[in-house]
Amino acid sequence: MVNPDSVRPDYRQLTIFLVKPLLDSPEQLVVSSETTLGGRRIRLRIAFDGEDKGRVFGRGGRTINAIRALVECAGRAAEQDVNLEVYE
């Protein structure tokens, strides 16, 4: 079994990897993170050009929900609570 303290995913890079290909203006992507509760809770915030909103959210929010699910799953594997928020 892997010790969760020895493996901490880079949530920022994971988010960039998942979101950047969807953007027409990838240089506008901004990903910030905040860690609380001694590293157990991570809040990711992403911002991008408003023109790309439809591509990132997808039909009915399916795309952004899938990205959130992947990031949250990586967090669960490391015993961390990860929340992804979108800002304009």
N, C-alpha and C. Protein backbone atom coordinates (compact mmCIF):
# COMPACT_ATOMS: atom_id res chain seq x y z
N MET A 1 0.84 -1.18 0.00
CA MET A 1 0.00 0.00 0.00
C MET A 1 0.88 1.24 0.00
N VAL A 2 0.48 2.26 -0.76
CA VAL A 2 1.24 3.49 -0.89
C VAL A 2 0.88 4.41 0.27
N ASN A 3 1.88 5.00 0.89
CA ASN A 3 1.65 5.97 1.95
C ASN A 3 1.16 7.27 1.33
N PRO A 4 -0.06 7.74 1.67
CA PRO A 4 -0.59 8.96 1.05
C PRO A 4 0.26 10.19 1.30
N ASP A 5 1.04 10.20 2.39
CA ASP A 5 1.89 11.36 2.66
C ASP A 5 3.05 11.46 1.69
N SER A 6 3.44 10.33 1.09
CA SER A 6 4.57 10.34 0.17
C SER A 6 4.16 10.71 -1.25
N VAL A 7 2.88 10.63 -1.55
CA VAL A 7 2.39 10.93 -2.90
C VAL A 7 1.35 12.04 -2.81
N ARG A 8 1.71 13.20 -3.29
CA ARG A 8 0.79 14.34 -3.34
C ARG A 8 0.67 14.78 -4.79
N PRO A 9 -0.49 14.58 -5.38
CA PRO A 9 -0.66 14.99 -6.77
C PRO A 9 -0.47 16.50 -6.94
N ASP A 10 -0.01 16.88 -8.11
CA ASP A 10 0.10 18.29 -8.45
C ASP A 10 -1.22 18.67 -9.12
N TYR A 11 -2.17 19.10 -8.31
CA TYR A 11 -3.52 19.38 -8.80
C TYR A 11 -3.53 20.53 -9.80
N ARG A 12 -2.66 21.48 -9.61
CA ARG A 12 -2.59 22.61 -10.53
C ARG A 12 -2.20 22.13 -11.93
N GLN A 13 -1.16 21.31 -12.01
CA GLN A 13 -0.71 20.80 -13.31
C GLN A 13 -1.76 19.87 -13.93
N LEU A 14 -2.41 19.07 -13.10
CA LEU A 14 -3.46 18.18 -13.59
C LEU A 14 -4.59 19.00 -14.20
N THR A 15 -4.98 20.07 -13.52
CA THR A 15 -6.06 20.93 -14.02
C THR A 15 -5.66 21.60 -15.33
N ILE A 16 -4.44 22.09 -15.41
CA ILE A 16 -3.95 22.70 -16.65
C ILE A 16 -3.97 21.67 -17.78
N PHE A 17 -3.51 20.45 -17.49
CA PHE A 17 -3.49 19.38 -18.48
C PHE A 17 -4.89 19.08 -19.01
N LEU A 18 -5.90 19.13 -18.15
CA LEU A 18 -7.26 18.79 -18.54
C LEU A 18 -7.99 19.94 -19.24
N VAL A 19 -7.72 21.17 -18.82
CA VAL A 19 -8.49 22.32 -19.34
C VAL A 19 -7.86 22.95 -20.57
N LYS A 20 -6.56 23.06 -20.60
CA LYS A 20 -5.86 23.79 -21.66
C LYS A 20 -6.24 23.34 -23.08
N PRO A 21 -6.36 22.04 -23.37
CA PRO A 21 -6.71 21.64 -24.74
C PRO A 21 -8.10 22.10 -25.19
N LEU A 22 -8.95 22.47 -24.25
CA LEU A 22 -10.30 22.91 -24.58
C LEU A 22 -10.35 24.38 -24.99
N LEU A 23 -9.31 25.12 -24.72
CA LEU A 23 -9.32 26.57 -24.89
C LEU A 23 -8.82 27.03 -26.25
N ASP A 24 -9.50 28.04 -26.79
CA ASP A 24 -9.00 28.70 -27.99
C ASP A 24 -7.87 29.67 -27.62
N SER A 25 -7.91 30.17 -26.39
CA SER A 25 -6.88 31.09 -25.89
C SER A 25 -6.24 30.49 -24.64
N PRO A 26 -5.40 29.45 -24.81
CA PRO A 26 -4.83 28.78 -23.64
C PRO A 26 -3.93 29.67 -22.80
N GLU A 27 -3.38 30.73 -23.40
CA GLU A 27 -2.52 31.63 -22.63
C GLU A 27 -3.31 32.42 -21.59
N GLN A 28 -4.63 32.45 -21.71
CA GLN A 28 -5.48 33.17 -20.76
C GLN A 28 -5.82 32.34 -19.52
N LEU A 29 -5.46 31.06 -19.53
CA LEU A 29 -5.78 30.18 -18.42
C LEU A 29 -4.96 30.54 -17.18
N VAL A 30 -5.65 30.72 -16.06
CA VAL A 30 -5.02 30.99 -14.78
C VAL A 30 -5.54 29.96 -13.78
N VAL A 31 -4.64 29.25 -13.13
CA VAL A 31 -5.01 28.26 -12.13
C VAL A 31 -4.30 28.62 -10.83
N SER A 32 -5.09 28.84 -9.79
CA SER A 32 -4.51 29.13 -8.48
C SER A 32 -5.01 28.10 -7.48
N SER A 33 -4.26 27.92 -6.41
CA SER A 33 -4.68 26.95 -5.41
C SER A 33 -4.46 27.50 -4.01
N GLU A 34 -5.27 27.02 -3.10
CA GLU A 34 -5.18 27.40 -1.70
C GLU A 34 -5.31 26.13 -0.87
N THR A 35 -4.41 25.95 0.07
CA THR A 35 -4.41 24.75 0.91
C THR A 35 -4.78 25.14 2.34
N THR A 36 -5.70 24.38 2.93
CA THR A 36 -6.11 24.63 4.31
C THR A 36 -6.16 23.31 5.08
N LEU A 37 -6.43 23.42 6.36
CA LEU A 37 -6.54 22.26 7.25
C LEU A 37 -5.30 21.38 7.20
N GLY A 38 -4.16 22.01 7.24
CA GLY A 38 -2.91 21.26 7.26
C GLY A 38 -2.65 20.45 6.01
N GLY A 39 -3.13 20.93 4.87
CA GLY A 39 -2.91 20.23 3.61
C GLY A 39 -3.98 19.22 3.26
N ARG A 40 -5.01 19.11 4.07
CA ARG A 40 -6.06 18.13 3.81
C ARG A 40 -7.13 18.66 2.86
N ARG A 41 -7.26 19.98 2.74
CA ARG A 41 -8.27 20.56 1.85
C ARG A 41 -7.58 21.50 0.87
N ILE A 42 -7.86 21.28 -0.41
CA ILE A 42 -7.27 22.10 -1.48
C ILE A 42 -8.40 22.72 -2.27
N ARG A 43 -8.32 24.03 -2.49
CA ARG A 43 -9.29 24.72 -3.32
C ARG A 43 -8.57 25.22 -4.56
N LEU A 44 -9.00 24.76 -5.71
CA LEU A 44 -8.44 25.20 -7.00
C LEU A 44 -9.41 26.19 -7.62
N ARG A 45 -8.85 27.24 -8.18
CA ARG A 45 -9.66 28.23 -8.89
C ARG A 45 -9.09 28.38 -10.29
N ILE A 46 -9.98 28.30 -11.28
CA ILE A 46 -9.52 28.50 -12.65
C ILE A 46 -10.26 29.68 -13.27
N ALA A 47 -9.55 30.39 -14.11
CA ALA A 47 -10.13 31.50 -14.87
C ALA A 47 -9.58 31.41 -16.28
N PHE A 48 -10.41 31.81 -17.24
CA PHE A 48 -10.03 31.76 -18.65
C PHE A 48 -10.86 32.76 -19.41
N ASP A 49 -10.55 32.96 -20.67
CA ASP A 49 -11.28 33.87 -21.53
C ASP A 49 -12.75 33.47 -21.61
N GLY A 50 -13.63 34.44 -21.48
CA GLY A 50 -15.07 34.18 -21.50
C GLY A 50 -15.56 33.51 -22.78
N GLU A 51 -14.85 33.70 -23.87
CA GLU A 51 -15.22 33.07 -25.14
C GLU A 51 -15.11 31.55 -25.08
N ASP A 52 -14.29 31.04 -24.18
CA ASP A 52 -14.07 29.59 -24.07
C ASP A 52 -15.01 28.92 -23.08
N LYS A 53 -15.88 29.69 -22.48
CA LYS A 53 -16.76 29.17 -21.43
C LYS A 53 -17.57 27.96 -21.90
N GLY A 54 -18.16 28.05 -23.06
CA GLY A 54 -18.98 26.96 -23.58
C GLY A 54 -18.20 25.67 -23.79
N ARG A 55 -16.97 25.80 -24.23
CA ARG A 55 -16.15 24.61 -24.47
C ARG A 55 -15.72 23.96 -23.17
N VAL A 56 -15.44 24.77 -22.15
CA VAL A 56 -15.00 24.22 -20.87
C VAL A 56 -16.17 23.60 -20.12
N PHE A 57 -17.32 24.26 -20.14
CA PHE A 57 -18.47 23.74 -19.41
C PHE A 57 -19.13 22.58 -20.14
N GLY A 58 -19.18 22.65 -21.45
CA GLY A 58 -19.81 21.58 -22.22
C GLY A 58 -21.32 21.60 -22.09
N ARG A 59 -21.95 20.72 -22.79
CA ARG A 59 -23.41 20.66 -22.80
C ARG A 59 -23.92 20.22 -21.42
N GLY A 60 -24.70 21.09 -20.81
CA GLY A 60 -25.26 20.78 -19.50
C GLY A 60 -24.21 20.69 -18.40
N GLY A 61 -23.01 21.22 -18.62
CA GLY A 61 -21.96 21.19 -17.61
C GLY A 61 -21.23 19.87 -17.52
N ARG A 62 -21.41 19.02 -18.52
CA ARG A 62 -20.79 17.68 -18.47
C ARG A 62 -19.27 17.72 -18.46
N THR A 63 -18.68 18.59 -19.26
CA THR A 63 -17.23 18.63 -19.35
C THR A 63 -16.60 19.11 -18.05
N ILE A 64 -17.09 20.22 -17.49
CA ILE A 64 -16.51 20.72 -16.25
C ILE A 64 -16.76 19.75 -15.11
N ASN A 65 -17.90 19.08 -15.10
CA ASN A 65 -18.16 18.09 -14.06
C ASN A 65 -17.23 16.89 -14.17
N ALA A 66 -16.89 16.50 -15.38
CA ALA A 66 -15.94 15.40 -15.57
C ALA A 66 -14.54 15.81 -15.10
N ILE A 67 -14.15 17.05 -15.38
CA ILE A 67 -12.85 17.55 -14.93
C ILE A 67 -12.83 17.58 -13.40
N ARG A 68 -13.90 18.08 -12.80
CA ARG A 68 -13.99 18.11 -11.34
C ARG A 68 -13.88 16.70 -10.76
N ALA A 69 -14.57 15.75 -11.38
CA ALA A 69 -14.55 14.37 -10.89
C ALA A 69 -13.13 13.79 -10.92
N LEU A 70 -12.39 14.06 -12.00
CA LEU A 70 -11.01 13.56 -12.09
C LEU A 70 -10.10 14.17 -11.04
N VAL A 71 -10.23 15.47 -10.83
CA VAL A 71 -9.40 16.15 -9.84
C VAL A 71 -9.76 15.67 -8.43
N GLU A 72 -11.05 15.53 -8.16
CA GLU A 72 -11.49 15.04 -6.86
C GLU A 72 -11.05 13.61 -6.61
N CYS A 73 -11.07 12.79 -7.64
CA CYS A 73 -10.61 11.40 -7.52
C CYS A 73 -9.13 11.34 -7.18
N ALA A 74 -8.33 12.19 -7.81
CA ALA A 74 -6.91 12.26 -7.48
C ALA A 74 -6.72 12.67 -6.02
N GLY A 75 -7.58 13.57 -5.56
CA GLY A 75 -7.52 13.99 -4.17
C GLY A 75 -7.89 12.88 -3.20
N ARG A 76 -8.92 12.14 -3.53
CA ARG A 76 -9.32 11.02 -2.66
C ARG A 76 -8.21 9.99 -2.56
N ALA A 77 -7.50 9.75 -3.64
CA ALA A 77 -6.40 8.78 -3.63
C ALA A 77 -5.29 9.24 -2.68
N ALA A 78 -5.16 10.56 -2.51
CA ALA A 78 -4.13 11.11 -1.62
C ALA A 78 -4.74 11.52 -0.27
N GLU A 79 -5.97 11.12 -0.04
CA GLU A 79 -6.69 11.44 1.20
C GLU A 79 -6.77 12.95 1.43
N GLN A 80 -7.12 13.67 0.36
CA GLN A 80 -7.32 15.11 0.42
C GLN A 80 -8.67 15.45 -0.19
N ASP A 81 -9.25 16.53 0.30
CA ASP A 81 -10.50 17.04 -0.23
C ASP A 81 -10.18 18.17 -1.21
N VAL A 82 -10.49 17.96 -2.49
CA VAL A 82 -10.14 18.93 -3.52
C VAL A 82 -11.42 19.49 -4.13
N ASN A 83 -11.48 20.82 -4.23
CA ASN A 83 -12.64 21.50 -4.79
C ASN A 83 -12.17 22.39 -5.94
N LEU A 84 -12.82 22.28 -7.09
CA LEU A 84 -12.46 23.08 -8.28
C LEU A 84 -13.57 24.08 -8.53
N GLU A 85 -13.19 25.36 -8.58
CA GLU A 85 -14.13 26.45 -8.84
C GLU A 85 -13.71 27.20 -10.11
N VAL A 86 -14.70 27.72 -10.83
CA VAL A 86 -14.44 28.48 -12.05
C VAL A 86 -14.78 29.93 -11.80
N TYR A 87 -13.83 30.82 -12.15
CA TYR A 87 -14.04 32.26 -12.05
C TYR A 87 -13.92 32.87 -13.42
N GLU A 88 -14.63 33.97 -13.61
CA GLU A 88 -14.60 34.66 -14.89
C GLU A 88 -13.49 35.68 -14.91
